[in-house]
Amino acid sequence: MSSSESKISKDITKIAKDVNVTLFDVANENFTKVVNQAAKVQPEYAQAISNLQQEYIDASRNSIQTTTSVQKQFANNNGNFNNFVVTDTATPYIQGLIKQSNDSTNNIIRMADINHQLTLNVLNALRENVKNYSRTVEASAEFNSNLVKAWTSSYSSIQQQFTTRGQ
């Protein structure tokens, strides 16, 4: 290879490296911009979801209170219900019904508490998995960087050996 061919080859290699560096820098910058934008709006999404959940809770509470209030008013103002007498034989059944209703309600609350704790545990486990993923990416990048350095070093020394043999 003549010195002019060698110079051209080196110039092409330099240009290719400059283009690669520029492309990777631009890609890094653009991906970072996208992630930063997502990070900027995330608190607003979280707040909007929280507001929606609170509105749903308030609407549910209001719906329950309004419905039972109207039913109670209807029962109190209806002459047929005013004359309704609970006999002594029906009292244990009514008490049993009230106990079952209370037990069912308590079971639903316990189930919701267990579901709540399970959901939090799952979210925390997912968060830890994301941290592990991030550490794995960093370790892989370090490994690959070391591999490229070793390969480049070996390739350069082999290339020099062939270049010196050819002269």
C-alpha atoms as a PDB file:
ATOM      1  CA  MET A   1       0.000   0.000   0.000  1.00  0.00           C
ATOM      2  CA  SER A   2       1.459   3.363  -1.007  1.00  0.00           C
ATOM      3  CA  SER A   3       1.717   6.269   1.406  1.00  0.00           C
ATOM      4  CA  SER A   4      -1.039   8.173  -0.434  1.00  0.00           C
ATOM      5  CA  GLU A   5      -3.335   5.124  -0.231  1.00  0.00           C
ATOM      6  CA  SER A   6      -2.474   4.786   3.457  1.00  0.00           C
ATOM      7  CA  LYS A   7      -3.239   8.490   4.035  1.00  0.00           C
ATOM      8  CA  ILE A   8      -6.582   8.153   2.196  1.00  0.00           C
ATOM      9  CA  SER A   9      -7.411   5.045   4.221  1.00  0.00           C
ATOM     10  CA  LYS A  10      -6.607   6.904   7.456  1.00  0.00           C
ATOM     11  CA  ASP A  11      -8.686   9.906   6.341  1.00  0.00           C
ATOM     12  CA  ILE A  12     -11.655   7.657   5.520  1.00  0.00           C
ATOM     13  CA  THR A  13     -11.289   5.918   8.885  1.00  0.00           C
ATOM     14  CA  LYS A  14     -11.197   9.294  10.681  1.00  0.00           C
ATOM     15  CA  ILE A  15     -14.288  10.541   8.812  1.00  0.00           C
ATOM     16  CA  ALA A  16     -16.144   7.284   9.572  1.00  0.00           C
ATOM     17  CA  LYS A  17     -15.235   7.592  13.256  1.00  0.00           C
ATOM     18  CA  ASP A  18     -16.353  11.247  13.327  1.00  0.00           C
ATOM     19  CA  VAL A  19     -19.687  10.355  11.688  1.00  0.00           C
ATOM     20  CA  ASN A  20     -20.209   7.460  14.107  1.00  0.00           C
ATOM     21  CA  VAL A  21     -19.418   9.631  17.104  1.00  0.00           C
ATOM     22  CA  THR A  22     -21.792  12.313  15.843  1.00  0.00           C
ATOM     23  CA  LEU A  23     -24.576   9.803  15.145  1.00  0.00           C
ATOM     24  CA  PHE A  24     -24.233   8.224  18.577  1.00  0.00           C
ATOM     25  CA  ASP A  25     -24.104  11.628  20.264  1.00  0.00           C
ATOM     26  CA  VAL A  26     -27.250  12.743  18.435  1.00  0.00           C
ATOM     27  CA  ALA A  27     -29.031   9.459  19.233  1.00  0.00           C
ATOM     28  CA  ASN A  28     -28.038   9.744  22.895  1.00  0.00           C
ATOM     29  CA  GLU A  29     -29.203  13.355  23.049  1.00  0.00           C
ATOM     30  CA  ASN A  30     -32.541  12.629  21.349  1.00  0.00           C
ATOM     31  CA  PHE A  31     -33.351   9.576  23.472  1.00  0.00           C
ATOM     32  CA  THR A  32     -32.454  11.546  26.590  1.00  0.00           C
ATOM     33  CA  LYS A  33     -34.787  14.374  25.494  1.00  0.00           C
ATOM     34  CA  VAL A  34     -37.668  11.904  25.091  1.00  0.00           C
ATOM     35  CA  VAL A  35     -37.070  10.373  28.530  1.00  0.00           C
ATOM     36  CA  ASN A  36     -36.733  13.823  30.117  1.00  0.00           C
ATOM     37  CA  GLN A  37     -40.035  14.888  28.549  1.00  0.00           C
ATOM     38  CA  ALA A  38     -41.747  11.785  29.942  1.00  0.00           C
ATOM     39  CA  ALA A  39     -40.228  12.502  33.353  1.00  0.00           C
ATOM     40  CA  LYS A  40     -41.459  16.098  33.201  1.00  0.00           C
ATOM     41  CA  VAL A  41     -45.129  15.169  32.617  1.00  0.00           C
ATOM     42  CA  GLN A  42     -45.227  12.057  34.842  1.00  0.00           C
ATOM     43  CA  PRO A  43     -46.123  13.971  38.054  1.00  0.00           C
ATOM     44  CA  GLU A  44     -49.081  15.581  36.263  1.00  0.00           C
ATOM     45  CA  TYR A  45     -50.328  12.166  35.121  1.00  0.00           C
ATOM     46  CA  ALA A  46     -49.928  10.766  38.631  1.00  0.00           C
ATOM     47  CA  GLN A  47     -51.860  13.731  40.078  1.00  0.00           C
ATOM     48  CA  ALA A  48     -54.606  13.445  37.440  1.00  0.00           C
ATOM     49  CA  ILE A  49     -55.019   9.729  38.195  1.00  0.00           C
ATOM     50  CA  SER A  50     -55.092  10.457  41.929  1.00  0.00           C
ATOM     51  CA  ASN A  51     -57.727  13.178  41.390  1.00  0.00           C
ATOM     52  CA  LEU A  52     -59.834  10.794  39.289  1.00  0.00           C
ATOM     53  CA  GLN A  53     -59.612   8.113  41.976  1.00  0.00           C
ATOM     54  CA  GLN A  54     -60.658  10.601  44.662  1.00  0.00           C
ATOM     55  CA  GLU A  55     -63.572  11.791  42.521  1.00  0.00           C
ATOM     56  CA  TYR A  56     -64.683   8.164  42.046  1.00  0.00           C
ATOM     57  CA  ILE A  57     -64.482   7.532  45.811  1.00  0.00           C
ATOM     58  CA  ASP A  58     -66.491  10.688  46.559  1.00  0.00           C
ATOM     59  CA  ALA A  59     -69.098   9.808  43.900  1.00  0.00           C
ATOM     60  CA  SER A  60     -69.430   6.254  45.281  1.00  0.00           C
ATOM     61  CA  ARG A  61     -69.814   7.515  48.840  1.00  0.00           C
ATOM     62  CA  ASN A  62     -72.396  10.098  47.725  1.00  0.00           C
ATOM     63  CA  SER A  63     -74.303   7.516  45.666  1.00  0.00           C
ATOM     64  CA  ILE A  64     -74.517   5.122  48.625  1.00  0.00           C
ATOM     65  CA  GLN A  65     -75.631   7.824  51.056  1.00  0.00           C
ATOM     66  CA  THR A  66     -78.217   9.246  48.652  1.00  0.00           C
ATOM     67  CA  THR A  67     -79.668   5.849  47.717  1.00  0.00           C
ATOM     68  CA  THR A  68     -80.008   4.605  51.301  1.00  0.00           C
ATOM     69  CA  SER A  69     -81.413   7.967  52.417  1.00  0.00           C
ATOM     70  CA  VAL A  70     -84.106   7.862  49.720  1.00  0.00           C
ATOM     71  CA  GLN A  71     -84.975   4.236  50.578  1.00  0.00           C
ATOM     72  CA  LYS A  72     -85.173   5.063  54.292  1.00  0.00           C
ATOM     73  CA  GLN A  73     -87.364   8.088  53.559  1.00  0.00           C
ATOM     74  CA  PHE A  74     -89.622   5.974  51.364  1.00  0.00           C
ATOM     75  CA  ALA A  75     -89.956   3.325  54.083  1.00  0.00           C
ATOM     76  CA  ASN A  76     -90.688   5.913  56.790  1.00  0.00           C
ATOM     77  CA  ASN A  77     -93.296   7.766  54.703  1.00  0.00           C
ATOM     78  CA  ASN A  78     -95.073   4.701  53.355  1.00  0.00           C
ATOM     79  CA  GLY A  79     -98.084   3.746  55.446  1.00  0.00           C
ATOM     80  CA  ASN A  80     -97.601   0.058  54.681  1.00  0.00           C
ATOM     81  CA  PHE A  81     -94.138   0.052  56.270  1.00  0.00           C
ATOM     82  CA  ASN A  82     -95.285   2.026  59.339  1.00  0.00           C
ATOM     83  CA  ASN A  83     -97.685  -0.766  60.234  1.00  0.00           C
ATOM     84  CA  PHE A  84     -94.985  -3.385  59.685  1.00  0.00           C
ATOM     85  CA  VAL A  85     -94.254  -5.169  62.939  1.00  0.00           C
ATOM     86  CA  VAL A  86     -91.332  -7.515  63.380  1.00  0.00           C
ATOM     87  CA  THR A  87     -92.500 -10.521  65.324  1.00  0.00           C
ATOM     88  CA  ASP A  88     -90.384 -12.209  67.964  1.00  0.00           C
ATOM     89  CA  THR A  89     -89.917 -15.209  65.671  1.00  0.00           C
ATOM     90  CA  ALA A  90     -88.463 -13.026  62.889  1.00  0.00           C
ATOM     91  CA  THR A  91     -86.002 -11.185  65.175  1.00  0.00           C
ATOM     92  CA  PRO A  92     -83.304 -13.927  65.133  1.00  0.00           C
ATOM     93  CA  TYR A  93     -83.462 -14.025  61.322  1.00  0.00           C
ATOM     94  CA  ILE A  94     -83.100 -10.271  61.044  1.00  0.00           C
ATOM     95  CA  GLN A  95     -80.227 -10.333  63.550  1.00  0.00           C
ATOM     96  CA  GLY A  96     -78.622 -13.156  61.545  1.00  0.00           C
ATOM     97  CA  LEU A  97     -79.026 -11.156  58.345  1.00  0.00           C
ATOM     98  CA  ILE A  98     -77.419  -8.113  59.980  1.00  0.00           C
ATOM     99  CA  LYS A  99     -74.551 -10.288  61.311  1.00  0.00           C
ATOM    100  CA  GLN A 100     -73.992 -11.843  57.856  1.00  0.00           C
ATOM    101  CA  SER A 101     -73.992  -8.392  56.282  1.00  0.00           C
ATOM    102  CA  ASN A 102     -71.447  -7.145  58.834  1.00  0.00           C
ATOM    103  CA  ASP A 103     -69.295 -10.274  58.416  1.00  0.00           C
ATOM    104  CA  SER A 104     -69.380  -9.954  54.627  1.00  0.00           C
ATOM    105  CA  THR A 105     -68.416  -6.295  54.869  1.00  0.00           C
ATOM    106  CA  ASN A 106     -65.517  -7.103  57.217  1.00  0.00           C
ATOM    107  CA  ASN A 107     -64.348  -9.888  54.882  1.00  0.00           C
ATOM    108  CA  ILE A 108     -64.438  -7.530  51.899  1.00  0.00           C
ATOM    109  CA  ILE A 109     -62.393  -4.978  53.863  1.00  0.00           C
ATOM    110  CA  ARG A 110     -59.836  -7.640  54.853  1.00  0.00           C
ATOM    111  CA  MET A 111     -59.662  -8.833  51.256  1.00  0.00           C
ATOM    112  CA  ALA A 112     -59.109  -5.236  50.075  1.00  0.00           C
ATOM    113  CA  ASP A 113     -56.327  -4.801  52.673  1.00  0.00           C
ATOM    114  CA  ILE A 114     -54.637  -8.029  51.518  1.00  0.00           C
ATOM    115  CA  ASN A 115     -55.006  -6.972  47.875  1.00  0.00           C
ATOM    116  CA  HIS A 116     -53.565  -3.558  48.751  1.00  0.00           C
ATOM    117  CA  GLN A 117     -50.520  -5.098  50.425  1.00  0.00           C
ATOM    118  CA  LEU A 118     -50.040  -7.584  47.583  1.00  0.00           C
ATOM    119  CA  THR A 119     -50.213  -4.779  45.007  1.00  0.00           C
ATOM    120  CA  LEU A 120     -47.654  -2.710  46.927  1.00  0.00           C
ATOM    121  CA  ASN A 121     -45.352  -5.738  47.174  1.00  0.00           C
ATOM    122  CA  VAL A 122     -45.665  -6.364  43.433  1.00  0.00           C
ATOM    123  CA  LEU A 123     -44.935  -2.702  42.629  1.00  0.00           C
ATOM    124  CA  ASN A 124     -41.902  -2.723  44.929  1.00  0.00           C
ATOM    125  CA  ALA A 125     -40.659  -5.959  43.322  1.00  0.00           C
ATOM    126  CA  LEU A 126     -41.106  -4.412  39.864  1.00  0.00           C
ATOM    127  CA  ARG A 127     -39.172  -1.342  41.007  1.00  0.00           C
ATOM    128  CA  GLU A 128     -36.322  -3.558  42.211  1.00  0.00           C
ATOM    129  CA  ASN A 129     -36.379  -5.411  38.875  1.00  0.00           C
ATOM    130  CA  VAL A 130     -36.025  -2.104  37.037  1.00  0.00           C
ATOM    131  CA  LYS A 131     -33.039  -1.240  39.255  1.00  0.00           C
ATOM    132  CA  ASN A 132     -31.523  -4.662  38.525  1.00  0.00           C
ATOM    133  CA  TYR A 133     -32.126  -4.153  34.804  1.00  0.00           C
ATOM    134  CA  SER A 134     -30.348  -0.798  34.965  1.00  0.00           C
ATOM    135  CA  ARG A 135     -27.366  -2.330  36.767  1.00  0.00           C
ATOM    136  CA  THR A 136     -27.286  -5.167  34.218  1.00  0.00           C
ATOM    137  CA  VAL A 137     -27.249  -2.701  31.323  1.00  0.00           C
ATOM    138  CA  GLU A 138     -24.374  -0.815  32.966  1.00  0.00           C
ATOM    139  CA  ALA A 139     -22.423  -4.036  33.563  1.00  0.00           C
ATOM    140  CA  SER A 140     -23.066  -5.197  29.979  1.00  0.00           C
ATOM    141  CA  ALA A 141     -21.948  -1.837  28.630  1.00  0.00           C
ATOM    142  CA  GLU A 142     -18.760  -1.994  30.683  1.00  0.00           C
ATOM    143  CA  PHE A 143     -18.102  -5.567  29.516  1.00  0.00           C
ATOM    144  CA  ASN A 144     -18.733  -4.655  25.869  1.00  0.00           C
ATOM    145  CA  SER A 145     -16.554  -1.554  26.187  1.00  0.00           C
ATOM    146  CA  ASN A 146     -13.709  -3.652  27.588  1.00  0.00           C
ATOM    147  CA  LEU A 147     -14.252  -6.207  24.829  1.00  0.00           C
ATOM    148  CA  VAL A 148     -14.069  -3.501  22.141  1.00  0.00           C
ATOM    149  CA  LYS A 149     -10.909  -2.071  23.711  1.00  0.00           C
ATOM    150  CA  ALA A 150      -9.298  -5.512  23.814  1.00  0.00           C
ATOM    151  CA  TRP A 151     -10.383  -6.302  20.259  1.00  0.00           C
ATOM    152  CA  THR A 152      -9.194  -2.905  18.972  1.00  0.00           C
ATOM    153  CA  SER A 153      -5.867  -3.309  20.727  1.00  0.00           C
ATOM    154  CA  SER A 154      -5.404  -6.814  19.315  1.00  0.00           C
ATOM    155  CA  TYR A 155      -6.555  -5.780  15.858  1.00  0.00           C
ATOM    156  CA  SER A 156      -4.173  -2.798  15.819  1.00  0.00           C
ATOM    157  CA  SER A 157      -1.210  -4.956  16.812  1.00  0.00           C
ATOM    158  CA  ILE A 158      -2.105  -7.604  14.204  1.00  0.00           C
ATOM    159  CA  GLN A 159      -2.571  -4.909  11.565  1.00  0.00           C
ATOM    160  CA  GLN A 160       0.826  -3.429  12.465  1.00  0.00           C
ATOM    161  CA  GLN A 161       2.437  -6.869  12.173  1.00  0.00           C
ATOM    162  CA  PHE A 162       1.016  -7.355   8.693  1.00  0.00           C
ATOM    163  CA  THR A 163       1.927  -3.809   7.696  1.00  0.00           C
ATOM    164  CA  THR A 164       5.555  -4.223   8.842  1.00  0.00           C
ATOM    165  CA  ARG A 165       5.828  -7.611   7.090  1.00  0.00           C
ATOM    166  CA  GLY A 166       4.573  -6.130   3.825  1.00  0.00           C
ATOM    167  CA  GLN A 167       7.246  -3.421   3.754  1.00  0.00           C
END
